[in-house]
N, C-alpha and C. Protein backbone atom coordinates (compact mmCIF):
# COMPACT_ATOMS: atom_id res chain seq x y z
N UNK A 1 -11.74 6.59 -6.50
CA UNK A 1 -10.13 6.87 -6.54
C UNK A 1 -10.02 6.50 -5.22
N UNK A 2 -9.10 5.47 -4.98
CA UNK A 2 -8.47 4.98 -3.74
C UNK A 2 -7.05 5.90 -3.46
N UNK A 3 -7.10 6.65 -2.34
CA UNK A 3 -5.76 7.29 -2.19
C UNK A 3 -5.24 6.46 -0.96
N UNK A 4 -4.00 6.01 -1.05
CA UNK A 4 -3.28 5.06 -0.20
C UNK A 4 -1.99 5.63 0.32
N UNK A 5 -1.99 5.77 1.77
CA UNK A 5 -0.81 6.29 2.26
C UNK A 5 0.09 5.20 2.87
N UNK A 6 1.44 5.25 2.42
CA UNK A 6 2.18 4.34 2.68
C UNK A 6 3.26 4.96 3.78
N UNK A 7 3.15 4.63 4.78
CA UNK A 7 4.06 5.19 5.74
C UNK A 7 5.56 4.79 5.97
N UNK A 8 6.38 5.65 6.12
CA UNK A 8 7.82 5.25 6.61
C UNK A 8 8.28 6.45 7.74
N UNK A 9 9.21 6.23 8.42
CA UNK A 9 9.70 7.16 9.31
C UNK A 9 9.82 8.57 8.73
N UNK A 10 9.98 8.79 7.47
CA UNK A 10 10.07 10.03 7.06
C UNK A 10 8.48 10.88 7.14
N UNK A 11 7.53 10.07 7.10
CA UNK A 11 6.44 10.90 7.15
C UNK A 11 5.40 10.69 8.44
N UNK A 12 5.82 9.49 9.23
CA UNK A 12 5.26 9.25 10.27
C UNK A 12 5.98 9.07 11.72
N UNK A 13 5.93 9.89 12.54
CA UNK A 13 6.87 9.93 13.75
C UNK A 13 5.86 9.83 14.95
N UNK A 14 6.55 8.68 15.73
CA UNK A 14 5.56 8.10 16.77
C UNK A 14 5.66 9.28 17.95
N UNK A 15 6.58 10.15 18.02
CA UNK A 15 6.65 11.20 19.12
C UNK A 15 5.51 12.25 18.59
N UNK A 16 4.99 12.19 17.45
CA UNK A 16 3.80 13.35 17.14
C UNK A 16 2.77 12.32 16.33
N UNK A 17 2.53 11.21 16.64
CA UNK A 17 1.46 10.40 15.97
C UNK A 17 0.29 10.94 15.48
N UNK A 18 -0.27 11.48 16.70
CA UNK A 18 -1.68 11.94 16.41
C UNK A 18 -1.61 13.08 15.13
N UNK A 19 -0.71 14.07 15.32
CA UNK A 19 -0.62 15.11 14.33
C UNK A 19 -0.39 14.50 12.87
N UNK A 20 0.55 13.55 12.84
CA UNK A 20 0.83 13.00 11.45
C UNK A 20 -0.31 12.08 10.91
N UNK A 21 -0.96 11.48 11.87
CA UNK A 21 -2.14 10.78 11.37
C UNK A 21 -3.45 11.83 10.85
N UNK A 22 -3.67 12.68 11.70
CA UNK A 22 -4.60 13.66 11.28
C UNK A 22 -4.30 14.26 10.01
N UNK A 23 -2.93 14.60 9.85
CA UNK A 23 -2.56 15.34 8.44
C UNK A 23 -2.99 14.36 7.40
N UNK A 24 -2.60 13.17 7.42
CA UNK A 24 -2.50 11.95 6.38
C UNK A 24 -3.98 11.55 6.18
N UNK A 25 -4.70 11.54 7.37
CA UNK A 25 -6.28 11.22 6.98
C UNK A 25 -7.04 12.25 6.25
N UNK A 26 -6.47 13.21 6.07
CA UNK A 26 -7.24 14.43 5.25
C UNK A 26 -7.05 14.05 3.86
N UNK A 27 -6.02 13.22 3.52
CA UNK A 27 -5.63 12.88 2.16
C UNK A 27 -5.76 11.41 1.65
N UNK A 28 -5.98 10.51 2.70
CA UNK A 28 -5.74 9.22 2.41
C UNK A 28 -7.02 8.38 2.85
N UNK A 29 -7.32 7.39 2.14
CA UNK A 29 -8.41 6.50 2.22
C UNK A 29 -7.95 5.37 3.04
N UNK A 30 -6.80 4.79 2.72
CA UNK A 30 -6.15 3.66 3.57
C UNK A 30 -4.63 4.14 4.04
N UNK A 31 -4.24 3.43 5.01
CA UNK A 31 -3.00 3.81 5.52
C UNK A 31 -2.16 2.42 5.88
N UNK A 32 -1.10 2.45 5.64
CA UNK A 32 -0.05 1.08 5.92
C UNK A 32 0.93 1.73 6.72
N UNK A 33 1.17 0.99 8.01
CA UNK A 33 2.33 0.95 8.79
C UNK A 33 3.51 0.33 8.20
N UNK A 34 4.33 0.94 7.94
CA UNK A 34 5.68 0.24 7.24
C UNK A 34 6.92 0.99 7.65
N UNK A 35 7.83 0.18 8.54
CA UNK A 35 8.98 0.70 8.91
C UNK A 35 9.84 -0.67 9.02
N UNK A 36 10.63 -0.70 7.80
CA UNK A 36 11.35 -1.76 7.73
C UNK A 36 12.55 -2.02 8.57
N UNK A 37 12.99 -0.99 9.30
CA UNK A 37 14.35 -0.93 9.90
C UNK A 37 13.88 -0.93 11.61
N UNK A 38 12.72 -1.10 11.95
CA UNK A 38 12.32 -1.06 13.28
C UNK A 38 12.16 -2.41 13.97
N UNK A 39 13.23 -2.67 14.77
CA UNK A 39 13.43 -3.95 15.44
C UNK A 39 12.05 -4.23 16.42
N UNK A 40 11.46 -3.31 16.93
CA UNK A 40 10.40 -3.42 17.81
C UNK A 40 8.94 -3.03 16.88
N UNK A 41 8.88 -3.38 15.73
CA UNK A 41 7.72 -3.04 14.78
C UNK A 41 6.42 -3.58 15.65
N UNK A 42 6.40 -4.64 16.08
CA UNK A 42 5.18 -5.27 16.59
C UNK A 42 4.57 -4.41 17.62
N UNK A 43 5.39 -3.87 18.69
CA UNK A 43 4.80 -2.88 19.65
C UNK A 43 4.43 -1.80 19.03
N UNK A 44 5.31 -1.08 18.13
CA UNK A 44 4.85 0.09 17.29
C UNK A 44 3.69 -0.05 16.64
N UNK A 45 3.36 -1.19 16.02
CA UNK A 45 2.18 -1.52 15.27
C UNK A 45 0.87 -1.63 16.41
N UNK A 46 0.97 -2.12 17.45
CA UNK A 46 -0.16 -1.98 18.43
C UNK A 46 -0.56 -0.37 18.50
N UNK A 47 0.43 0.34 18.84
CA UNK A 47 0.08 1.72 18.96
C UNK A 47 -0.39 2.37 17.65
N UNK A 48 0.13 2.10 16.62
CA UNK A 48 -0.31 2.57 15.42
C UNK A 48 -1.69 2.21 15.07
N UNK A 49 -2.28 1.02 15.22
CA UNK A 49 -3.50 0.71 15.01
C UNK A 49 -4.38 1.23 16.05
N UNK A 50 -4.21 1.29 17.07
CA UNK A 50 -5.04 1.99 18.21
C UNK A 50 -5.24 3.30 17.78
N UNK A 51 -4.27 4.02 17.55
CA UNK A 51 -4.27 5.52 17.08
C UNK A 51 -4.94 5.80 15.86
N UNK A 52 -4.44 5.10 14.81
CA UNK A 52 -5.26 5.18 13.40
C UNK A 52 -6.56 4.94 13.37
N UNK A 53 -7.19 3.82 14.35
CA UNK A 53 -8.42 3.59 14.64
C UNK A 53 -9.37 4.73 14.81
N UNK A 54 -8.71 5.91 15.48
CA UNK A 54 -9.39 6.89 15.98
C UNK A 54 -9.79 7.90 14.65
N UNK A 55 -9.06 7.70 13.45
CA UNK A 55 -9.46 8.54 12.27
C UNK A 55 -10.16 7.74 11.32
N UNK A 56 -10.66 8.36 10.40
CA UNK A 56 -11.60 8.20 9.22
C UNK A 56 -10.89 7.37 8.11
N UNK A 57 -9.94 6.24 8.50
CA UNK A 57 -9.42 5.60 7.51
C UNK A 57 -10.19 4.48 7.02
N UNK A 58 -10.48 4.07 5.78
CA UNK A 58 -11.29 2.91 5.22
C UNK A 58 -10.71 1.81 5.52
N UNK A 59 -9.18 1.67 5.44
CA UNK A 59 -8.31 0.48 5.80
C UNK A 59 -7.00 0.82 6.47
N UNK A 60 -6.78 -0.01 7.60
CA UNK A 60 -5.81 0.19 8.07
C UNK A 60 -4.81 -1.08 8.15
N UNK A 61 -3.70 -1.13 7.52
CA UNK A 61 -2.99 -2.33 7.10
C UNK A 61 -1.48 -2.33 7.69
N UNK A 62 -1.16 -3.39 7.81
CA UNK A 62 0.21 -3.52 8.48
C UNK A 62 1.16 -4.06 7.32
N UNK A 63 2.67 -4.02 7.27
CA UNK A 63 3.22 -4.30 6.16
C UNK A 63 4.14 -5.72 6.40
N UNK A 64 3.63 -6.67 5.45
CA UNK A 64 4.40 -7.94 5.40
C UNK A 64 4.00 -8.88 6.43
N UNK A 65 3.55 -8.55 7.52
CA UNK A 65 3.44 -9.73 8.35
C UNK A 65 1.78 -9.97 8.63
N UNK A 66 1.13 -10.90 8.02
CA UNK A 66 0.02 -11.26 8.04
C UNK A 66 -0.49 -11.66 9.44
N UNK A 67 0.43 -12.36 10.10
CA UNK A 67 0.12 -13.07 11.50
C UNK A 67 0.01 -11.95 12.45
N UNK A 68 0.75 -10.83 12.32
CA UNK A 68 0.79 -9.82 13.30
C UNK A 68 -0.64 -9.00 13.11
N UNK A 69 -0.83 -8.65 11.58
CA UNK A 69 -2.14 -8.10 11.13
C UNK A 69 -3.02 -8.82 11.85
N UNK A 70 -3.36 -10.03 11.81
CA UNK A 70 -4.56 -10.86 12.18
C UNK A 70 -4.69 -10.80 13.74
N UNK A 71 -3.23 -10.94 14.25
CA UNK A 71 -3.51 -10.79 15.99
C UNK A 71 -3.80 -9.61 16.46
N UNK A 72 -3.43 -8.39 15.75
CA UNK A 72 -3.74 -7.05 16.10
C UNK A 72 -5.06 -6.55 15.75
N UNK A 73 -5.81 -7.28 14.87
CA UNK A 73 -6.95 -6.69 14.53
C UNK A 73 -6.97 -5.59 13.45
N UNK A 74 -5.89 -5.76 12.61
CA UNK A 74 -5.70 -4.80 11.46
C UNK A 74 -6.73 -5.16 10.42
N UNK A 75 -7.14 -4.12 9.69
CA UNK A 75 -8.00 -4.63 8.32
C UNK A 75 -7.33 -5.37 7.45
N UNK A 76 -5.94 -5.41 7.41
CA UNK A 76 -5.33 -6.00 6.45
C UNK A 76 -3.62 -5.93 6.52
N UNK A 77 -3.28 -6.49 5.33
CA UNK A 77 -1.88 -6.69 5.21
C UNK A 77 -1.42 -6.25 3.86
N UNK A 78 -0.08 -5.73 3.71
CA UNK A 78 0.32 -5.31 2.51
C UNK A 78 1.62 -6.00 2.41
N UNK A 79 1.60 -7.31 1.60
CA UNK A 79 2.60 -8.12 1.25
C UNK A 79 3.61 -7.71 0.31
N UNK A 80 4.92 -8.03 0.49
CA UNK A 80 5.92 -7.85 -0.70
C UNK A 80 5.68 -8.98 -1.62
N UNK A 81 6.38 -8.39 -2.88
CA UNK A 81 6.33 -9.54 -3.98
C UNK A 81 6.66 -10.83 -3.75
N UNK A 82 7.85 -10.60 -2.69
CA UNK A 82 8.48 -11.87 -2.46
C UNK A 82 7.74 -12.94 -1.30
N UNK A 83 6.48 -12.03 -0.87
CA UNK A 83 5.60 -12.95 -0.15
C UNK A 83 4.16 -13.27 -0.76
N UNK A 84 4.28 -13.55 -2.25
CA UNK A 84 2.87 -13.67 -2.60
C UNK A 84 2.42 -14.85 -2.34
N UNK A 85 3.26 -15.99 -1.91
CA UNK A 85 2.54 -17.13 -1.64
C UNK A 85 1.81 -16.99 -0.28
N UNK A 86 1.98 -15.99 0.64
CA UNK A 86 1.32 -15.83 1.72
C UNK A 86 0.02 -15.32 1.63
N UNK A 87 -0.44 -14.98 0.36
CA UNK A 87 -1.74 -14.29 0.06
C UNK A 87 -2.96 -15.40 0.61
N UNK A 88 -2.70 -16.66 0.51
CA UNK A 88 -3.61 -17.68 0.89
C UNK A 88 -3.83 -17.66 2.34
N UNK A 89 -2.60 -17.58 3.09
CA UNK A 89 -2.72 -17.42 4.64
C UNK A 89 -3.61 -16.45 5.09
N UNK A 90 -3.24 -15.12 4.64
CA UNK A 90 -3.78 -13.92 4.82
C UNK A 90 -5.29 -13.93 4.63
N UNK A 91 -5.84 -14.31 3.52
CA UNK A 91 -7.11 -14.53 3.12
C UNK A 91 -7.89 -15.41 3.95
N UNK A 92 -7.20 -16.72 4.43
CA UNK A 92 -7.82 -17.65 5.41
C UNK A 92 -8.24 -16.90 6.64
N UNK A 93 -7.75 -15.89 6.94
CA UNK A 93 -7.93 -15.00 8.02
C UNK A 93 -8.71 -13.89 7.92
N UNK A 94 -9.38 -13.93 6.75
CA UNK A 94 -10.25 -12.76 6.16
C UNK A 94 -9.59 -11.49 6.06
N UNK A 95 -8.18 -11.43 5.99
CA UNK A 95 -7.45 -10.05 5.92
C UNK A 95 -7.70 -9.56 4.57
N UNK A 96 -7.96 -8.31 4.51
CA UNK A 96 -7.89 -7.40 3.25
C UNK A 96 -6.17 -7.56 2.78
N UNK A 97 -5.88 -8.06 1.56
CA UNK A 97 -4.85 -8.44 1.16
C UNK A 97 -4.33 -7.52 0.06
N UNK A 98 -3.17 -6.88 -0.01
CA UNK A 98 -2.76 -5.95 -1.10
C UNK A 98 -1.27 -6.76 -1.09
N UNK A 99 -0.88 -6.86 -2.51
CA UNK A 99 0.45 -7.33 -2.82
C UNK A 99 1.12 -6.22 -3.81
N UNK A 100 2.37 -6.03 -3.32
CA UNK A 100 3.33 -5.39 -4.16
C UNK A 100 3.81 -6.12 -5.42
N UNK A 101 3.53 -5.54 -6.65
CA UNK A 101 3.95 -6.25 -7.73
C UNK A 101 4.90 -5.29 -8.67
N UNK A 102 5.47 -5.79 -9.68
CA UNK A 102 6.48 -5.24 -10.60
C UNK A 102 6.46 -5.72 -11.98
N UNK A 103 5.66 -6.78 -12.10
CA UNK A 103 5.50 -7.60 -13.50
C UNK A 103 3.96 -8.23 -13.65
N UNK A 104 3.98 -8.52 -14.86
CA UNK A 104 2.71 -9.07 -15.15
C UNK A 104 2.67 -10.72 -14.33
N UNK A 105 3.79 -11.28 -14.36
CA UNK A 105 3.69 -12.52 -13.78
C UNK A 105 3.40 -12.33 -12.34
N UNK A 106 3.69 -11.49 -11.64
CA UNK A 106 3.60 -11.32 -10.21
C UNK A 106 2.13 -10.95 -10.03
N UNK A 107 1.68 -10.02 -10.87
CA UNK A 107 0.28 -9.71 -11.01
C UNK A 107 -0.80 -10.80 -10.90
N UNK A 108 -0.31 -11.55 -12.04
CA UNK A 108 -1.32 -12.74 -12.26
C UNK A 108 -1.39 -13.78 -10.95
N UNK A 109 -0.11 -14.29 -10.48
CA UNK A 109 0.08 -15.09 -9.56
C UNK A 109 -0.66 -14.58 -8.24
N UNK A 110 -0.55 -13.28 -8.01
CA UNK A 110 -1.35 -12.69 -6.87
C UNK A 110 -2.91 -12.82 -6.81
N UNK A 111 -3.25 -12.48 -8.15
CA UNK A 111 -4.70 -12.34 -8.25
C UNK A 111 -5.22 -14.00 -8.40
N UNK A 112 -4.53 -14.88 -8.81
CA UNK A 112 -4.86 -16.23 -8.83
C UNK A 112 -5.01 -16.56 -7.36
N UNK A 113 -4.02 -16.10 -6.50
CA UNK A 113 -4.13 -16.66 -4.99
C UNK A 113 -5.05 -16.06 -4.21
N UNK A 114 -5.73 -14.96 -4.76
CA UNK A 114 -7.06 -14.38 -4.11
C UNK A 114 -6.58 -13.02 -3.44
N UNK A 115 -5.72 -12.33 -3.94
CA UNK A 115 -5.33 -11.04 -3.29
C UNK A 115 -6.56 -10.16 -3.70
N UNK A 116 -6.76 -9.21 -2.75
CA UNK A 116 -7.92 -8.31 -3.08
C UNK A 116 -7.62 -7.02 -3.99
N UNK A 117 -6.31 -6.61 -3.79
CA UNK A 117 -5.71 -5.55 -4.65
C UNK A 117 -4.26 -5.70 -4.90
N UNK A 118 -3.84 -4.89 -5.70
CA UNK A 118 -2.15 -4.97 -6.13
C UNK A 118 -1.75 -3.42 -6.28
N UNK A 119 -0.68 -3.36 -5.78
CA UNK A 119 -0.06 -1.98 -6.13
C UNK A 119 1.16 -2.52 -7.39
N UNK A 120 1.06 -1.55 -8.36
CA UNK A 120 2.25 -1.99 -9.44
C UNK A 120 3.17 -0.75 -9.47
N UNK A 121 4.46 -1.05 -9.55
CA UNK A 121 5.38 -0.09 -9.37
C UNK A 121 6.52 -0.35 -10.27
N UNK A 122 7.43 0.97 -10.48
CA UNK A 122 7.19 2.06 -10.37
C UNK A 122 6.35 2.74 -11.60
N UNK A 123 5.32 3.50 -11.23
CA UNK A 123 4.79 4.19 -12.48
C UNK A 123 5.52 5.26 -13.12
N UNK A 124 6.24 6.01 -12.39
CA UNK A 124 7.12 7.13 -12.72
C UNK A 124 8.43 7.03 -11.79
N UNK A 125 9.45 7.80 -12.26
CA UNK A 125 10.79 7.50 -11.59
C UNK A 125 10.61 7.74 -10.02
N UNK A 126 11.42 6.88 -9.31
CA UNK A 126 11.09 6.87 -8.07
C UNK A 126 12.70 6.46 -7.37
N UNK A 127 13.14 7.02 -6.41
CA UNK A 127 14.67 6.64 -5.95
C UNK A 127 14.69 5.28 -5.54
N UNK A 128 15.62 4.75 -6.17
CA UNK A 128 15.85 3.02 -5.92
C UNK A 128 14.85 2.13 -6.29
N UNK A 129 14.04 2.47 -7.43
CA UNK A 129 12.96 1.54 -7.59
C UNK A 129 13.17 1.05 -9.23
N UNK A 130 14.13 1.23 -9.73
CA UNK A 130 14.17 0.92 -11.14
C UNK A 130 13.54 1.78 -12.07
N UNK A 131 13.76 1.21 -13.35
CA UNK A 131 13.02 1.88 -14.34
C UNK A 131 11.70 2.16 -14.45
N UNK A 132 11.14 3.21 -14.56
CA UNK A 132 9.78 3.69 -14.55
C UNK A 132 9.14 2.91 -15.76
N UNK A 133 7.69 2.54 -15.30
CA UNK A 133 6.96 1.60 -16.49
C UNK A 133 6.31 2.89 -17.20
N UNK A 134 5.90 3.84 -16.81
CA UNK A 134 5.15 4.90 -17.76
C UNK A 134 4.06 4.69 -17.78
N UNK A 135 3.02 5.45 -17.97
CA UNK A 135 1.52 5.57 -18.15
C UNK A 135 1.01 4.48 -19.05
N UNK A 136 1.69 4.46 -20.34
CA UNK A 136 1.16 3.52 -21.30
C UNK A 136 1.53 2.08 -21.01
N UNK A 137 2.72 1.61 -20.58
CA UNK A 137 3.13 0.18 -20.13
C UNK A 137 2.24 -0.12 -18.84
N UNK A 138 2.13 0.85 -17.99
CA UNK A 138 1.28 0.62 -16.65
C UNK A 138 -0.25 0.11 -17.27
N UNK A 139 -0.81 1.00 -18.04
CA UNK A 139 -2.18 0.70 -18.59
C UNK A 139 -2.30 -0.69 -19.31
N UNK A 140 -1.23 -0.97 -20.03
CA UNK A 140 -1.29 -2.39 -20.61
C UNK A 140 -1.23 -3.37 -19.62
N UNK A 141 -0.38 -3.29 -18.59
CA UNK A 141 -0.51 -4.50 -17.57
C UNK A 141 -1.88 -4.35 -16.84
N UNK A 142 -1.97 -3.49 -16.45
CA UNK A 142 -3.63 -3.39 -15.49
C UNK A 142 -4.45 -3.85 -16.45
N UNK A 143 -4.65 -3.59 -17.70
CA UNK A 143 -5.79 -4.12 -18.56
C UNK A 143 -5.93 -5.66 -18.61
N UNK A 144 -4.69 -6.25 -17.91
CA UNK A 144 -4.76 -7.84 -17.98
C UNK A 144 -5.01 -8.38 -16.80
N UNK A 145 -5.67 -7.36 -15.69
CA UNK A 145 -5.90 -7.92 -14.60
C UNK A 145 -7.34 -7.61 -14.02
N UNK A 146 -8.02 -8.43 -13.26
CA UNK A 146 -9.30 -8.44 -12.97
C UNK A 146 -9.75 -7.56 -11.80
N UNK A 147 -8.62 -7.63 -10.71
CA UNK A 147 -8.82 -7.04 -9.54
C UNK A 147 -8.22 -5.59 -9.59
N UNK A 148 -8.66 -4.70 -8.55
CA UNK A 148 -8.12 -3.23 -8.57
C UNK A 148 -6.72 -3.33 -8.36
N UNK A 149 -5.91 -2.26 -9.04
CA UNK A 149 -4.63 -2.11 -9.27
C UNK A 149 -4.49 -0.66 -8.83
N UNK A 150 -3.39 -0.44 -7.91
CA UNK A 150 -3.23 0.88 -7.43
C UNK A 150 -1.70 1.37 -7.98
N UNK A 151 -1.71 2.36 -8.47
CA UNK A 151 -0.36 3.05 -9.03
C UNK A 151 0.51 3.39 -7.89
N UNK A 152 1.76 3.08 -8.04
CA UNK A 152 2.71 3.32 -6.98
C UNK A 152 4.17 3.67 -7.61
N UNK A 153 4.86 4.69 -7.18
CA UNK A 153 6.01 5.14 -7.55
C UNK A 153 6.13 6.41 -8.23
N UNK A 154 6.69 7.48 -7.45
CA UNK A 154 7.00 8.71 -8.02
C UNK A 154 5.74 9.68 -8.21
N UNK A 155 4.81 9.20 -7.46
CA UNK A 155 3.44 10.17 -7.32
C UNK A 155 3.59 11.00 -5.98
N UNK A 156 4.22 12.16 -6.30
CA UNK A 156 4.47 13.22 -5.29
C UNK A 156 3.70 14.48 -5.40
N UNK A 157 2.81 14.58 -6.51
CA UNK A 157 2.17 15.92 -6.61
C UNK A 157 0.69 15.62 -7.12
N UNK A 158 -0.15 16.55 -7.21
CA UNK A 158 -1.52 16.67 -7.81
C UNK A 158 -1.41 16.22 -9.32
N UNK A 159 -0.53 16.70 -9.96
CA UNK A 159 -0.42 16.54 -11.38
C UNK A 159 0.08 15.09 -11.45
N UNK A 160 0.71 14.47 -10.79
CA UNK A 160 1.21 13.05 -10.85
C UNK A 160 0.06 11.95 -10.76
N UNK A 161 -0.64 12.53 -9.64
CA UNK A 161 -1.91 11.85 -9.40
C UNK A 161 -3.09 12.00 -10.66
N UNK A 162 -3.15 12.84 -11.27
CA UNK A 162 -3.97 13.18 -12.37
C UNK A 162 -3.43 12.25 -13.65
N UNK A 163 -2.07 12.20 -13.84
CA UNK A 163 -1.57 11.56 -14.80
C UNK A 163 -1.84 9.85 -14.43
N UNK A 164 -1.58 9.63 -13.06
CA UNK A 164 -1.96 7.81 -12.69
C UNK A 164 -3.33 7.82 -12.80
N UNK A 165 -4.18 8.60 -12.65
CA UNK A 165 -5.56 8.32 -12.91
C UNK A 165 -6.14 8.37 -14.06
N UNK A 166 -5.09 8.83 -15.11
CA UNK A 166 -5.64 8.88 -16.46
C UNK A 166 -5.43 7.27 -16.97
N UNK A 167 -4.93 6.41 -16.24
CA UNK A 167 -4.68 5.09 -16.47
C UNK A 167 -5.82 4.30 -16.03
N UNK A 168 -5.91 2.97 -16.15
CA UNK A 168 -7.09 2.18 -15.45
C UNK A 168 -6.66 2.06 -13.99
N UNK A 169 -6.00 2.66 -13.47
CA UNK A 169 -5.59 2.43 -12.09
C UNK A 169 -6.86 2.77 -11.28
N UNK A 170 -7.09 1.97 -10.18
CA UNK A 170 -8.23 2.12 -9.13
C UNK A 170 -7.96 3.28 -8.14
N UNK A 171 -6.69 3.64 -8.04
CA UNK A 171 -6.15 4.87 -7.34
C UNK A 171 -4.68 4.84 -7.13
N UNK A 172 -4.21 5.60 -6.30
CA UNK A 172 -2.73 5.86 -6.19
C UNK A 172 -2.34 5.60 -4.84
N UNK A 173 -1.03 5.33 -4.61
CA UNK A 173 -0.42 5.03 -3.34
C UNK A 173 1.12 5.78 -3.34
N UNK A 174 1.41 6.33 -2.29
CA UNK A 174 2.62 7.17 -2.10
C UNK A 174 3.13 7.22 -0.67
N UNK A 175 4.22 7.44 -0.56
CA UNK A 175 4.84 7.85 0.73
C UNK A 175 5.10 9.46 0.77
N UNK A 176 5.87 9.93 -0.39
CA UNK A 176 6.26 11.40 -0.13
C UNK A 176 5.12 12.30 -0.47
N UNK A 177 3.93 11.67 -1.23
CA UNK A 177 2.69 12.77 -1.43
C UNK A 177 2.15 13.03 0.03
N UNK A 178 2.35 12.31 1.10
CA UNK A 178 1.70 12.42 2.10
C UNK A 178 2.51 12.94 3.39
N UNK A 179 3.73 13.42 2.95
CA UNK A 179 4.63 14.01 3.84
C UNK A 179 4.14 15.40 4.19
């Protein structure tokens, strides 16, 4: 089971970065630096990768910018669903590539382009993320895909993790679980 921490400013603060990374590392295999509103994302990413590399994360990823991920030596990139066509660019640079998906068509397209892994969301209700798929529909979609799919959306407790893992998910991703 893969445990994937998606960071945002609510769980990862650069004034206490080491403490936050240490806390997250105890529960996560992968970590993503995601901060959609940071105008200085590239400089913060340098610090993030340097500091996260001191911990036992299997994968350290950047959000949305495969060129920056490659330039900074990140393990990979997590692309938004609107960036599916960038999978080839990321894979040409040997970046581990995860794509956010919300439908079977997105999942199939990302898989065809060579993505290593997908997130599918929202599994459960999550603020601002639309109608939840629920475990049954989630399982139906995942069963049609050959690459690993990570459950995302509304996974905020151990009981929600257990529910997510009762599906064919390869693991789970969350922001709030790692807070």
